[in-house]
Amino acid sequence: MARVAGRNVAISWIAGVLCAGVVLALVWFSMPIVPVMASFVGDALRSALP
C-alpha cells in the first residue's frame, strides 16, 4: 500500500479488516445457493447442448 500524507496506518488496517470481514460474511451467506446454481447451470448446459 502506498503511503499517502495524512493517512493513519491504524485506521487503514481497521478499515481493511472490516472490509475483509464483510466480504467473508457475504461469501458465507451465499454458500447455500452453490448447489442450486450448479444444478441450474448443469441443467441449462444439458438442454442447450445436443
Protein backbone atom coordinates (compact mmCIF):
# COMPACT_ATOMS: atom_id res chain seq x y z
CA MET A 1 0.00 0.00 0.00
CA ALA A 2 1.38 3.38 -0.94
CA ARG A 3 1.95 5.84 1.87
CA VAL A 4 -0.21 8.91 1.38
CA ALA A 5 0.26 12.00 3.52
CA GLY A 6 -2.41 12.33 6.18
CA ARG A 7 -3.38 8.65 6.26
CA ASN A 8 -3.31 6.84 9.56
CA VAL A 9 -1.92 3.31 9.28
CA ALA A 10 -4.02 2.02 12.19
CA ILE A 11 -7.27 3.29 10.66
CA SER A 12 -6.28 1.79 7.31
CA TRP A 13 -5.74 -1.60 8.94
CA ILE A 14 -9.05 -1.42 10.79
CA ALA A 15 -10.90 -0.48 7.60
CA GLY A 16 -9.15 -3.27 5.69
CA VAL A 17 -10.05 -5.87 8.30
CA LEU A 18 -13.67 -4.69 8.37
CA CYS A 19 -13.91 -4.82 4.58
CA ALA A 20 -12.42 -8.31 4.53
CA GLY A 21 -14.92 -9.35 7.21
CA VAL A 22 -17.84 -8.04 5.16
CA VAL A 23 -16.61 -9.90 2.06
CA LEU A 24 -16.19 -13.13 4.05
CA ALA A 25 -19.65 -12.73 5.57
CA LEU A 26 -21.17 -12.29 2.11
CA VAL A 27 -19.37 -15.41 0.87
CA TRP A 28 -20.57 -17.33 3.94
CA PHE A 29 -24.19 -16.28 3.38
CA SER A 30 -24.06 -17.16 -0.32
CA MET A 31 -22.74 -20.70 0.22
CA PRO A 32 -26.17 -22.41 0.49
CA ILE A 33 -27.07 -21.35 -3.07
CA VAL A 34 -23.98 -23.01 -4.63
CA PRO A 35 -25.56 -26.49 -5.12
CA VAL A 36 -28.71 -24.91 -6.54
CA MET A 37 -26.70 -22.83 -9.01
CA ALA A 38 -24.59 -25.84 -10.00
CA SER A 39 -27.76 -27.81 -10.70
CA PHE A 40 -29.26 -24.93 -12.67
CA VAL A 41 -26.15 -24.46 -14.80
CA GLY A 42 -25.83 -28.20 -15.37
CA ASP A 43 -29.46 -28.48 -16.48
CA ALA A 44 -29.09 -25.46 -18.76
CA LEU A 45 -25.97 -26.90 -20.38
CA ARG A 46 -27.54 -30.32 -20.81
CA SER A 47 -30.59 -28.82 -22.52
CA ALA A 48 -28.58 -26.37 -24.67
CA LEU A 49 -26.03 -28.85 -25.96
CA PRO A 50 -27.32 -31.76 -28.05
